[in-house]
Amino acid sequence: MIPSVMGFRFLDHTADVRFEVWAEDLRGLFVEAARALFSIIVDLQTVRPEQERQIEVQEEGRDLLLVGWLNELLFLHDTEGFLFSEFEAMEVGPSRFVGRARGEVFDPERHEILLPVKAVTYHGLKVERTAGGFRAEIILDV
């Protein structure tokens, strides 16, 4: 049984990190997936939402949009050193996603990288409608 309307939890996986997210709607699902991703990388409580980045993804299907959103966030983390702690999904359509992420650049005095993430994979990816909304399973290459 899923304990709340929105959330995430980590699942067993042999080599990489696997997690499940759930929400009442697709917007919430995309937000929870981003929270889960960055909670693996850093303690979200230490990241100040000082700067904002808007991200647009165009792919066919909600599963590819979800991976695109997460990989764009990861790209900003890898190339600009960004850590994110707040997320907003503004538009989730059949082939377009628009979202915002707030955070700050990595500061070694205040942030500890808990686990570096290489990529969000398509392996084992599931995005499905449930009786209570939506659910996804995602595997990260670490």
N, C-alpha and C. Protein backbone atom coordinates (compact mmCIF):
# COMPACT_ATOMS: atom_id res chain seq x y z
N MET A 1 0.83 -1.19 0.00
CA MET A 1 0.00 0.00 0.00
C MET A 1 0.88 1.25 0.00
N ILE A 2 0.53 2.23 -0.80
CA ILE A 2 1.29 3.48 -0.87
C ILE A 2 0.86 4.38 0.29
N PRO A 3 1.82 4.89 1.09
CA PRO A 3 1.50 5.57 2.33
C PRO A 3 0.95 6.99 2.20
N SER A 4 1.16 7.68 1.10
CA SER A 4 0.66 9.05 0.98
C SER A 4 0.34 9.36 -0.47
N VAL A 5 -0.22 10.53 -0.68
CA VAL A 5 -0.63 10.93 -2.03
C VAL A 5 0.56 11.12 -2.95
N MET A 6 1.64 11.71 -2.43
CA MET A 6 2.87 11.91 -3.22
C MET A 6 4.05 11.39 -2.40
N GLY A 7 5.03 10.84 -3.10
CA GLY A 7 6.21 10.41 -2.38
C GLY A 7 7.12 9.58 -3.25
N PHE A 8 8.17 9.07 -2.60
CA PHE A 8 9.10 8.17 -3.28
C PHE A 8 9.73 7.25 -2.25
N ARG A 9 10.24 6.13 -2.76
CA ARG A 9 10.98 5.20 -1.91
C ARG A 9 12.00 4.47 -2.78
N PHE A 10 13.05 4.02 -2.13
CA PHE A 10 14.11 3.31 -2.84
C PHE A 10 13.82 1.83 -2.79
N LEU A 11 14.13 1.15 -3.90
CA LEU A 11 13.87 -0.27 -4.05
C LEU A 11 15.20 -1.00 -4.21
N ASP A 12 15.20 -2.28 -3.92
CA ASP A 12 16.42 -3.08 -4.08
C ASP A 12 16.81 -3.18 -5.55
N HIS A 13 18.11 -3.09 -5.78
CA HIS A 13 18.65 -3.29 -7.13
C HIS A 13 20.08 -3.78 -6.97
N THR A 14 20.52 -4.66 -7.84
CA THR A 14 21.83 -5.29 -7.67
C THR A 14 23.01 -4.34 -7.80
N ALA A 15 22.99 -3.42 -8.76
CA ALA A 15 24.17 -2.60 -9.00
C ALA A 15 23.89 -1.10 -8.94
N ASP A 16 22.78 -0.66 -9.48
CA ASP A 16 22.48 0.76 -9.57
C ASP A 16 21.45 1.14 -8.50
N VAL A 17 20.87 2.32 -8.63
CA VAL A 17 19.85 2.77 -7.69
C VAL A 17 18.50 2.73 -8.40
N ARG A 18 17.54 2.09 -7.77
CA ARG A 18 16.19 1.98 -8.31
C ARG A 18 15.23 2.60 -7.31
N PHE A 19 14.29 3.41 -7.83
CA PHE A 19 13.31 4.00 -6.93
C PHE A 19 11.94 4.05 -7.59
N GLU A 20 10.95 4.19 -6.73
CA GLU A 20 9.56 4.29 -7.14
C GLU A 20 9.03 5.64 -6.68
N VAL A 21 8.24 6.28 -7.53
CA VAL A 21 7.58 7.53 -7.16
C VAL A 21 6.10 7.39 -7.45
N TRP A 22 5.29 8.16 -6.72
CA TRP A 22 3.86 8.14 -6.95
C TRP A 22 3.26 9.50 -6.65
N ALA A 23 2.17 9.80 -7.31
CA ALA A 23 1.48 11.08 -7.12
C ALA A 23 0.08 10.98 -7.70
N GLU A 24 -0.76 11.94 -7.33
CA GLU A 24 -2.13 11.98 -7.83
C GLU A 24 -2.19 12.30 -9.32
N ASP A 25 -1.21 13.08 -9.81
CA ASP A 25 -1.23 13.48 -11.21
C ASP A 25 0.19 13.46 -11.77
N LEU A 26 0.30 13.68 -13.08
CA LEU A 26 1.61 13.63 -13.72
C LEU A 26 2.54 14.74 -13.24
N ARG A 27 1.98 15.91 -12.98
CA ARG A 27 2.83 17.01 -12.48
C ARG A 27 3.51 16.60 -11.18
N GLY A 28 2.73 16.06 -10.28
CA GLY A 28 3.28 15.60 -9.01
C GLY A 28 4.30 14.49 -9.17
N LEU A 29 4.05 13.60 -10.13
CA LEU A 29 4.97 12.50 -10.38
C LEU A 29 6.33 13.03 -10.84
N PHE A 30 6.34 14.02 -11.72
CA PHE A 30 7.59 14.59 -12.21
C PHE A 30 8.33 15.31 -11.08
N VAL A 31 7.60 16.00 -10.21
CA VAL A 31 8.21 16.68 -9.07
C VAL A 31 8.84 15.68 -8.12
N GLU A 32 8.10 14.63 -7.78
CA GLU A 32 8.62 13.63 -6.84
C GLU A 32 9.83 12.90 -7.42
N ALA A 33 9.83 12.64 -8.72
CA ALA A 33 10.98 11.98 -9.34
C ALA A 33 12.23 12.85 -9.22
N ALA A 34 12.07 14.15 -9.44
CA ALA A 34 13.21 15.07 -9.31
C ALA A 34 13.70 15.14 -7.86
N ARG A 35 12.76 15.17 -6.92
CA ARG A 35 13.14 15.17 -5.50
C ARG A 35 13.91 13.90 -5.14
N ALA A 36 13.43 12.77 -5.63
CA ALA A 36 14.11 11.51 -5.35
C ALA A 36 15.53 11.52 -5.92
N LEU A 37 15.65 11.96 -7.18
CA LEU A 37 16.96 12.02 -7.82
C LEU A 37 17.94 12.85 -7.01
N PHE A 38 17.54 14.06 -6.63
CA PHE A 38 18.49 14.93 -5.92
C PHE A 38 18.67 14.56 -4.46
N SER A 39 17.73 13.82 -3.87
CA SER A 39 17.95 13.35 -2.50
C SER A 39 19.01 12.25 -2.47
N ILE A 40 19.24 11.61 -3.60
CA ILE A 40 20.32 10.62 -3.70
C ILE A 40 21.67 11.33 -3.77
N ILE A 41 21.68 12.49 -4.42
CA ILE A 41 22.92 13.23 -4.66
C ILE A 41 23.35 14.05 -3.44
N VAL A 42 22.37 14.68 -2.76
CA VAL A 42 22.69 15.62 -1.70
C VAL A 42 21.55 15.66 -0.68
N ASP A 43 21.85 16.08 0.54
CA ASP A 43 20.80 16.33 1.53
C ASP A 43 20.05 17.57 1.08
N LEU A 44 18.80 17.42 0.69
CA LEU A 44 18.02 18.54 0.14
C LEU A 44 17.89 19.70 1.13
N GLN A 45 17.96 19.42 2.41
CA GLN A 45 17.84 20.47 3.43
C GLN A 45 19.00 21.47 3.37
N THR A 46 20.11 21.08 2.78
CA THR A 46 21.28 21.96 2.72
C THR A 46 21.31 22.84 1.47
N VAL A 47 20.37 22.64 0.56
CA VAL A 47 20.38 23.35 -0.72
C VAL A 47 19.37 24.50 -0.68
N ARG A 48 19.88 25.70 -0.85
CA ARG A 48 19.04 26.90 -0.84
C ARG A 48 18.45 27.14 -2.23
N PRO A 49 17.17 27.44 -2.32
CA PRO A 49 16.53 27.67 -3.64
C PRO A 49 16.78 29.10 -4.13
N GLU A 50 18.04 29.45 -4.35
CA GLU A 50 18.42 30.82 -4.69
C GLU A 50 18.31 31.15 -6.17
N GLN A 51 18.52 30.18 -7.03
CA GLN A 51 18.47 30.42 -8.47
C GLN A 51 17.49 29.44 -9.10
N GLU A 52 16.94 29.87 -10.21
CA GLU A 52 15.93 29.05 -10.88
C GLU A 52 16.35 28.75 -12.31
N ARG A 53 16.06 27.55 -12.75
CA ARG A 53 16.27 27.14 -14.13
C ARG A 53 14.96 26.60 -14.68
N GLN A 54 14.61 27.03 -15.88
CA GLN A 54 13.43 26.48 -16.54
C GLN A 54 13.90 25.43 -17.55
N ILE A 55 13.20 24.33 -17.59
CA ILE A 55 13.58 23.22 -18.46
C ILE A 55 12.39 22.82 -19.31
N GLU A 56 12.65 22.69 -20.61
CA GLU A 56 11.64 22.21 -21.54
C GLU A 56 12.16 20.95 -22.21
N VAL A 57 11.31 19.95 -22.29
CA VAL A 57 11.67 18.69 -22.90
C VAL A 57 10.60 18.34 -23.92
N GLN A 58 11.03 17.89 -25.08
CA GLN A 58 10.10 17.42 -26.10
C GLN A 58 10.46 15.99 -26.46
N GLU A 59 9.58 15.07 -26.14
CA GLU A 59 9.74 13.65 -26.42
C GLU A 59 8.33 13.08 -26.62
N GLU A 60 8.25 11.92 -27.19
CA GLU A 60 6.96 11.27 -27.37
C GLU A 60 6.71 10.30 -26.22
N GLY A 61 5.73 10.62 -25.39
CA GLY A 61 5.34 9.74 -24.30
C GLY A 61 5.81 10.23 -22.95
N ARG A 62 4.98 9.98 -21.95
CA ARG A 62 5.30 10.48 -20.60
C ARG A 62 6.52 9.81 -20.01
N ASP A 63 6.82 8.56 -20.39
CA ASP A 63 8.02 7.91 -19.86
C ASP A 63 9.29 8.59 -20.38
N LEU A 64 9.32 8.90 -21.67
CA LEU A 64 10.49 9.58 -22.24
C LEU A 64 10.58 11.03 -21.74
N LEU A 65 9.45 11.68 -21.53
CA LEU A 65 9.46 13.04 -20.97
C LEU A 65 10.04 13.02 -19.56
N LEU A 66 9.67 12.03 -18.77
CA LEU A 66 10.18 11.93 -17.41
C LEU A 66 11.69 11.75 -17.39
N VAL A 67 12.19 10.84 -18.20
CA VAL A 67 13.64 10.62 -18.27
C VAL A 67 14.34 11.87 -18.80
N GLY A 68 13.74 12.53 -19.79
CA GLY A 68 14.33 13.76 -20.33
C GLY A 68 14.44 14.85 -19.28
N TRP A 69 13.41 15.05 -18.49
CA TRP A 69 13.39 16.04 -17.39
C TRP A 69 14.51 15.73 -16.39
N LEU A 70 14.57 14.49 -15.96
CA LEU A 70 15.59 14.13 -14.97
C LEU A 70 17.00 14.24 -15.54
N ASN A 71 17.19 13.84 -16.77
CA ASN A 71 18.52 13.95 -17.38
C ASN A 71 18.93 15.40 -17.62
N GLU A 72 17.97 16.27 -17.92
CA GLU A 72 18.30 17.70 -18.05
C GLU A 72 18.75 18.28 -16.70
N LEU A 73 18.07 17.91 -15.63
CA LEU A 73 18.49 18.35 -14.29
C LEU A 73 19.89 17.83 -13.98
N LEU A 74 20.13 16.58 -14.29
CA LEU A 74 21.43 15.98 -14.06
C LEU A 74 22.51 16.65 -14.92
N PHE A 75 22.17 17.02 -16.15
CA PHE A 75 23.11 17.73 -17.02
C PHE A 75 23.52 19.07 -16.39
N LEU A 76 22.56 19.83 -15.85
CA LEU A 76 22.88 21.10 -15.19
C LEU A 76 23.74 20.86 -13.95
N HIS A 77 23.49 19.78 -13.27
CA HIS A 77 24.32 19.43 -12.11
C HIS A 77 25.76 19.13 -12.56
N ASP A 78 25.89 18.34 -13.61
CA ASP A 78 27.22 17.94 -14.09
C ASP A 78 27.99 19.09 -14.73
N THR A 79 27.33 19.94 -15.50
CA THR A 79 28.04 20.98 -16.26
C THR A 79 28.20 22.29 -15.50
N GLU A 80 27.23 22.62 -14.65
CA GLU A 80 27.27 23.90 -13.93
C GLU A 80 27.41 23.74 -12.43
N GLY A 81 27.44 22.50 -11.95
CA GLY A 81 27.57 22.27 -10.51
C GLY A 81 26.31 22.57 -9.73
N PHE A 82 25.17 22.60 -10.39
CA PHE A 82 23.92 22.94 -9.72
C PHE A 82 23.41 21.79 -8.86
N LEU A 83 22.91 22.15 -7.70
CA LEU A 83 22.15 21.26 -6.84
C LEU A 83 20.76 21.86 -6.73
N PHE A 84 19.75 21.04 -6.86
CA PHE A 84 18.37 21.53 -6.81
C PHE A 84 17.65 20.95 -5.61
N SER A 85 16.73 21.75 -5.05
CA SER A 85 15.96 21.29 -3.89
C SER A 85 14.46 21.53 -4.04
N GLU A 86 14.05 22.37 -4.97
CA GLU A 86 12.63 22.63 -5.20
C GLU A 86 12.33 22.46 -6.67
N PHE A 87 11.19 21.86 -6.94
CA PHE A 87 10.83 21.53 -8.31
C PHE A 87 9.37 21.86 -8.57
N GLU A 88 9.08 22.25 -9.81
CA GLU A 88 7.71 22.58 -10.20
C GLU A 88 7.49 22.08 -11.63
N ALA A 89 6.41 21.38 -11.83
CA ALA A 89 6.02 20.94 -13.17
C ALA A 89 4.89 21.86 -13.63
N MET A 90 5.17 22.63 -14.65
CA MET A 90 4.19 23.61 -15.12
C MET A 90 3.31 23.05 -16.23
N GLU A 91 3.87 22.19 -17.07
CA GLU A 91 3.12 21.62 -18.18
C GLU A 91 3.60 20.20 -18.46
N VAL A 92 2.66 19.28 -18.49
CA VAL A 92 2.97 17.90 -18.88
C VAL A 92 1.94 17.50 -19.93
N GLY A 93 2.40 17.44 -21.16
CA GLY A 93 1.53 17.04 -22.26
C GLY A 93 2.00 15.73 -22.85
N PRO A 94 1.38 15.29 -23.93
CA PRO A 94 1.76 14.01 -24.53
C PRO A 94 3.17 14.02 -25.12
N SER A 95 3.67 15.20 -25.52
CA SER A 95 5.00 15.25 -26.13
C SER A 95 5.82 16.46 -25.68
N ARG A 96 5.38 17.14 -24.61
CA ARG A 96 6.11 18.32 -24.14
C ARG A 96 5.99 18.44 -22.63
N PHE A 97 7.12 18.76 -22.00
CA PHE A 97 7.17 19.01 -20.57
C PHE A 97 7.87 20.34 -20.33
N VAL A 98 7.32 21.14 -19.42
CA VAL A 98 7.96 22.38 -18.99
C VAL A 98 7.98 22.36 -17.46
N GLY A 99 9.16 22.56 -16.91
CA GLY A 99 9.29 22.57 -15.47
C GLY A 99 10.31 23.58 -15.00
N ARG A 100 10.32 23.82 -13.70
CA ARG A 100 11.30 24.71 -13.08
C ARG A 100 11.96 23.98 -11.92
N ALA A 101 13.23 24.31 -11.73
CA ALA A 101 13.97 23.78 -10.60
C ALA A 101 14.72 24.93 -9.94
N ARG A 102 14.72 24.92 -8.62
CA ARG A 102 15.41 25.97 -7.86
C ARG A 102 16.49 25.34 -7.00
N GLY A 103 17.60 26.05 -6.93
CA GLY A 103 18.70 25.55 -6.12
C GLY A 103 19.87 26.50 -6.15
N GLU A 104 21.05 25.95 -6.04
CA GLU A 104 22.26 26.76 -6.01
C GLU A 104 23.44 25.92 -6.49
N VAL A 105 24.53 26.60 -6.75
CA VAL A 105 25.75 25.93 -7.17
C VAL A 105 26.39 25.24 -5.96
N PHE A 106 26.96 24.09 -6.20
CA PHE A 106 27.63 23.31 -5.16
C PHE A 106 28.63 24.17 -4.39
N ASP A 107 28.54 24.12 -3.06
CA ASP A 107 29.46 24.81 -2.16
C ASP A 107 30.07 23.75 -1.24
N PRO A 108 31.36 23.46 -1.41
CA PRO A 108 31.97 22.39 -0.60
C PRO A 108 31.94 22.66 0.90
N GLU A 109 31.72 23.91 1.29
CA GLU A 109 31.63 24.23 2.72
C GLU A 109 30.30 23.79 3.32
N ARG A 110 29.26 23.70 2.46
CA ARG A 110 27.92 23.37 2.98
C ARG A 110 27.31 22.10 2.41
N HIS A 111 27.82 21.64 1.28
CA HIS A 111 27.21 20.48 0.62
C HIS A 111 28.15 19.29 0.60
N GLU A 112 27.59 18.15 0.80
CA GLU A 112 28.32 16.89 0.65
C GLU A 112 27.62 16.07 -0.43
N ILE A 113 28.35 15.68 -1.43
CA ILE A 113 27.78 14.81 -2.46
C ILE A 113 27.69 13.41 -1.86
N LEU A 114 26.46 12.93 -1.72
CA LEU A 114 26.23 11.63 -1.10
C LEU A 114 26.52 10.48 -2.05
N LEU A 115 26.04 10.62 -3.29
CA LEU A 115 26.26 9.57 -4.29
C LEU A 115 26.20 10.21 -5.67
N PRO A 116 27.30 10.20 -6.41
CA PRO A 116 27.27 10.74 -7.77
C PRO A 116 26.38 9.87 -8.67
N VAL A 117 25.57 10.52 -9.49
CA VAL A 117 24.69 9.82 -10.42
C VAL A 117 25.19 10.12 -11.83
N LYS A 118 25.40 9.07 -12.63
CA LYS A 118 25.89 9.23 -14.00
C LYS A 118 24.76 9.55 -14.96
N ALA A 119 23.64 8.82 -14.84
CA ALA A 119 22.54 9.01 -15.80
C ALA A 119 21.26 8.37 -15.28
N VAL A 120 20.16 8.85 -15.83
CA VAL A 120 18.86 8.22 -15.64
C VAL A 120 18.71 7.27 -16.82
N THR A 121 18.40 6.02 -16.55
CA THR A 121 18.37 5.03 -17.61
C THR A 121 16.94 4.75 -18.10
N TYR A 122 16.87 4.12 -19.24
CA TYR A 122 15.58 3.66 -19.78
C TYR A 122 15.32 2.22 -19.35
N HIS A 123 16.34 1.56 -18.83
CA HIS A 123 16.21 0.18 -18.40
C HIS A 123 15.21 0.07 -17.25
N GLY A 124 14.25 -0.79 -17.38
CA GLY A 124 13.27 -1.00 -16.31
C GLY A 124 12.33 0.14 -16.07
N LEU A 125 12.33 1.13 -16.96
CA LEU A 125 11.49 2.32 -16.78
C LEU A 125 10.01 1.95 -16.90
N LYS A 126 9.24 2.40 -15.93
CA LYS A 126 7.78 2.20 -15.95
C LYS A 126 7.10 3.49 -15.51
N VAL A 127 6.14 3.92 -16.28
CA VAL A 127 5.26 5.02 -15.87
C VAL A 127 3.85 4.52 -16.15
N GLU A 128 3.04 4.46 -15.11
CA GLU A 128 1.70 3.90 -15.29
C GLU A 128 0.66 4.62 -14.46
N ARG A 129 -0.55 4.56 -14.96
CA ARG A 129 -1.70 5.09 -14.22
C ARG A 129 -2.13 4.04 -13.20
N THR A 130 -2.48 4.49 -12.02
CA THR A 130 -2.95 3.60 -10.96
C THR A 130 -4.32 4.08 -10.49
N ALA A 131 -4.91 3.36 -9.59
CA ALA A 131 -6.21 3.76 -9.04
C ALA A 131 -6.11 5.11 -8.33
N GLY A 132 -4.93 5.40 -7.74
CA GLY A 132 -4.76 6.64 -7.00
C GLY A 132 -4.06 7.74 -7.76
N GLY A 133 -3.71 7.52 -9.01
CA GLY A 133 -3.01 8.55 -9.78
C GLY A 133 -2.01 7.97 -10.74
N PHE A 134 -0.72 8.22 -10.47
CA PHE A 134 0.35 7.73 -11.34
C PHE A 134 1.49 7.18 -10.49
N ARG A 135 2.23 6.28 -11.09
CA ARG A 135 3.36 5.62 -10.44
C ARG A 135 4.46 5.42 -11.48
N ALA A 136 5.72 5.54 -11.04
CA ALA A 136 6.86 5.30 -11.93
C ALA A 136 7.95 4.55 -11.19
N GLU A 137 8.69 3.74 -11.94
CA GLU A 137 9.90 3.11 -11.44
C GLU A 137 11.04 3.56 -12.33
N ILE A 138 12.14 3.95 -11.70
CA ILE A 138 13.27 4.54 -12.41
C ILE A 138 14.56 3.92 -11.88
N ILE A 139 15.49 3.65 -12.77
CA ILE A 139 16.81 3.15 -12.39
C ILE A 139 17.86 4.18 -12.79
N LEU A 140 18.75 4.48 -11.86
CA LEU A 140 19.84 5.43 -12.08
C LEU A 140 21.15 4.68 -12.21
N ASP A 141 21.95 5.12 -13.15
CA ASP A 141 23.31 4.60 -13.31
C ASP A 141 24.21 5.40 -12.37
N VAL A 142 24.79 4.72 -11.39
CA VAL A 142 25.65 5.41 -10.41
C VAL A 142 27.08 4.93 -10.52
